[in-house]
Amino acid sequence: MALKHLPSGKYFANTAWVGYAVIAFNISRAAAHAAQRPTTRWPSLTRHLITIPARVTRSARRLRLHLPTRWAWKTALDQLWTATSPPLRGTL
């Protein structure tokens, strides 16, 4: 969506928007590879992994993410989560 601001008439603003578009593309491709879906196109990736149909709740000072019960992309999200999150340490 960053490229819809082009051309702005200012060279440095144009280079910034192109840079944002490249960074967003690279992050989305890395997320698709981490979720083991390297051939997924951008609309499917945004629909299934970025805009997750979930509910966030707070309980005992922790945030919890409640996903739909029969969500087809749950394994892809689990693979993305394990690839990008650090291992959890034991509690005290």
C-alpha atoms as a PDB file:
ATOM      1  CA  MET A   1       0.000   0.000   0.000  1.00  0.00           C
ATOM      2  CA  ALA A   2       2.990   2.306   0.301  1.00  0.00           C
ATOM      3  CA  LEU A   3       3.283   2.729  -3.450  1.00  0.00           C
ATOM      4  CA  LYS A   4      -0.125   4.407  -3.734  1.00  0.00           C
ATOM      5  CA  HIS A   5       1.562   7.583  -2.406  1.00  0.00           C
ATOM      6  CA  LEU A   6       3.804   7.834  -5.479  1.00  0.00           C
ATOM      7  CA  PRO A   7       4.682  10.200  -7.077  1.00  0.00           C
ATOM      8  CA  SER A   8       4.652  12.789  -4.356  1.00  0.00           C
ATOM      9  CA  GLY A   9       6.729  15.422  -6.158  1.00  0.00           C
ATOM     10  CA  LYS A  10       9.596  15.171  -3.684  1.00  0.00           C
ATOM     11  CA  TYR A  11      12.490  12.849  -4.362  1.00  0.00           C
ATOM     12  CA  PHE A  12      13.220  11.947  -0.732  1.00  0.00           C
ATOM     13  CA  ALA A  13       9.576  11.235   0.015  1.00  0.00           C
ATOM     14  CA  ASN A  14       9.414   8.921  -3.012  1.00  0.00           C
ATOM     15  CA  THR A  15      12.542   7.030  -1.904  1.00  0.00           C
ATOM     16  CA  ALA A  16      11.095   6.638   1.603  1.00  0.00           C
ATOM     17  CA  TRP A  17       7.803   5.201   0.288  1.00  0.00           C
ATOM     18  CA  VAL A  18       9.632   2.788  -2.026  1.00  0.00           C
ATOM     19  CA  GLY A  19      11.823   1.738   0.894  1.00  0.00           C
ATOM     20  CA  TYR A  20       8.733   1.068   3.031  1.00  0.00           C
ATOM     21  CA  ALA A  21       7.203  -1.011   0.243  1.00  0.00           C
ATOM     22  CA  VAL A  22      10.373  -3.092  -0.124  1.00  0.00           C
ATOM     23  CA  ILE A  23      10.600  -3.683   3.625  1.00  0.00           C
ATOM     24  CA  ALA A  24       6.934  -4.732   3.800  1.00  0.00           C
ATOM     25  CA  PHE A  25       7.407  -7.109   0.877  1.00  0.00           C
ATOM     26  CA  ASN A  26      10.502  -8.690   2.435  1.00  0.00           C
ATOM     27  CA  ILE A  27       8.812  -9.144   5.810  1.00  0.00           C
ATOM     28  CA  SER A  28       5.780 -10.754   4.183  1.00  0.00           C
ATOM     29  CA  ARG A  29       7.944 -13.135   2.163  1.00  0.00           C
ATOM     30  CA  ALA A  30       9.939 -14.067   5.274  1.00  0.00           C
ATOM     31  CA  ALA A  31       6.691 -14.701   7.155  1.00  0.00           C
ATOM     32  CA  ALA A  32       5.405 -16.899   4.340  1.00  0.00           C
ATOM     33  CA  HIS A  33       8.610 -18.943   4.335  1.00  0.00           C
ATOM     34  CA  ALA A  34       8.597 -19.264   8.134  1.00  0.00           C
ATOM     35  CA  ALA A  35       4.993 -20.507   7.948  1.00  0.00           C
ATOM     36  CA  GLN A  36       6.170 -23.014   5.320  1.00  0.00           C
ATOM     37  CA  ARG A  37       3.939 -21.439   2.675  1.00  0.00           C
ATOM     38  CA  PRO A  38       6.552 -19.991   0.286  1.00  0.00           C
ATOM     39  CA  THR A  39       4.255 -19.888  -2.751  1.00  0.00           C
ATOM     40  CA  THR A  40       1.428 -18.017  -1.009  1.00  0.00           C
ATOM     41  CA  ARG A  41       0.511 -14.775  -2.716  1.00  0.00           C
ATOM     42  CA  TRP A  42       0.133 -11.442  -0.907  1.00  0.00           C
ATOM     43  CA  PRO A  43      -3.722 -11.298  -0.774  1.00  0.00           C
ATOM     44  CA  SER A  44      -3.923 -14.791   0.732  1.00  0.00           C
ATOM     45  CA  LEU A  45      -1.140 -14.031   3.191  1.00  0.00           C
ATOM     46  CA  THR A  46      -2.847 -10.890   4.458  1.00  0.00           C
ATOM     47  CA  ARG A  47      -6.240 -12.569   4.637  1.00  0.00           C
ATOM     48  CA  HIS A  48      -5.057 -15.677   6.494  1.00  0.00           C
ATOM     49  CA  LEU A  49      -1.991 -14.754   8.555  1.00  0.00           C
ATOM     50  CA  ILE A  50      -1.948 -10.996   9.069  1.00  0.00           C
ATOM     51  CA  THR A  51      -5.621 -10.254   9.663  1.00  0.00           C
ATOM     52  CA  ILE A  52      -6.339 -13.213  11.908  1.00  0.00           C
ATOM     53  CA  PRO A  53      -9.971 -13.877  12.807  1.00  0.00           C
ATOM     54  CA  ALA A  54      -9.255 -14.130  16.528  1.00  0.00           C
ATOM     55  CA  ARG A  55     -10.287 -12.761  19.884  1.00  0.00           C
ATOM     56  CA  VAL A  56      -7.749 -11.389  22.364  1.00  0.00           C
ATOM     57  CA  THR A  57      -8.552 -11.760  26.069  1.00  0.00           C
ATOM     58  CA  ARG A  58      -6.702 -10.957  29.259  1.00  0.00           C
ATOM     59  CA  SER A  59      -6.615 -13.345  32.171  1.00  0.00           C
ATOM     60  CA  ALA A  60      -4.208 -13.512  35.098  1.00  0.00           C
ATOM     61  CA  ARG A  61      -2.113 -10.666  33.623  1.00  0.00           C
ATOM     62  CA  ARG A  62      -1.563 -12.587  30.388  1.00  0.00           C
ATOM     63  CA  LEU A  63      -2.892 -11.976  26.920  1.00  0.00           C
ATOM     64  CA  ARG A  64      -4.500 -14.947  25.240  1.00  0.00           C
ATOM     65  CA  LEU A  65      -5.358 -15.391  21.585  1.00  0.00           C
ATOM     66  CA  HIS A  66      -8.479 -17.420  20.865  1.00  0.00           C
ATOM     67  CA  LEU A  67      -8.552 -18.742  17.296  1.00  0.00           C
ATOM     68  CA  PRO A  68     -11.536 -20.304  15.546  1.00  0.00           C
ATOM     69  CA  THR A  69     -11.895 -24.023  16.225  1.00  0.00           C
ATOM     70  CA  ARG A  70     -11.606 -25.293  12.648  1.00  0.00           C
ATOM     71  CA  TRP A  71      -9.359 -22.648  11.146  1.00  0.00           C
ATOM     72  CA  ALA A  72      -7.490 -23.982   8.093  1.00  0.00           C
ATOM     73  CA  TRP A  73      -4.361 -21.868   8.612  1.00  0.00           C
ATOM     74  CA  LYS A  74      -3.727 -22.808  12.264  1.00  0.00           C
ATOM     75  CA  THR A  75      -0.707 -24.983  11.470  1.00  0.00           C
ATOM     76  CA  ALA A  76       0.829 -22.228   9.340  1.00  0.00           C
ATOM     77  CA  LEU A  77       0.384 -19.720  12.175  1.00  0.00           C
ATOM     78  CA  ASP A  78       1.891 -22.205  14.673  1.00  0.00           C
ATOM     79  CA  GLN A  79       4.918 -22.707  12.411  1.00  0.00           C
ATOM     80  CA  LEU A  80       5.313 -18.951  11.991  1.00  0.00           C
ATOM     81  CA  TRP A  81       5.054 -18.435  15.762  1.00  0.00           C
ATOM     82  CA  THR A  82       7.664 -21.090  16.611  1.00  0.00           C
ATOM     83  CA  ALA A  83      10.035 -19.749  13.955  1.00  0.00           C
ATOM     84  CA  THR A  84       9.847 -16.144  15.144  1.00  0.00           C
ATOM     85  CA  SER A  85       9.394 -16.321  18.907  1.00  0.00           C
ATOM     86  CA  PRO A  86      12.209 -17.051  21.352  1.00  0.00           C
ATOM     87  CA  PRO A  87      11.996 -20.168  23.505  1.00  0.00           C
ATOM     88  CA  LEU A  88      10.150 -19.617  26.768  1.00  0.00           C
ATOM     89  CA  ARG A  89      12.051 -19.785  30.024  1.00  0.00           C
ATOM     90  CA  GLY A  90      10.752 -21.596  33.066  1.00  0.00           C
ATOM     91  CA  THR A  91       8.675 -19.630  35.516  1.00  0.00           C
ATOM     92  CA  LEU A  92       9.984 -18.725  38.945  1.00  0.00           C
END
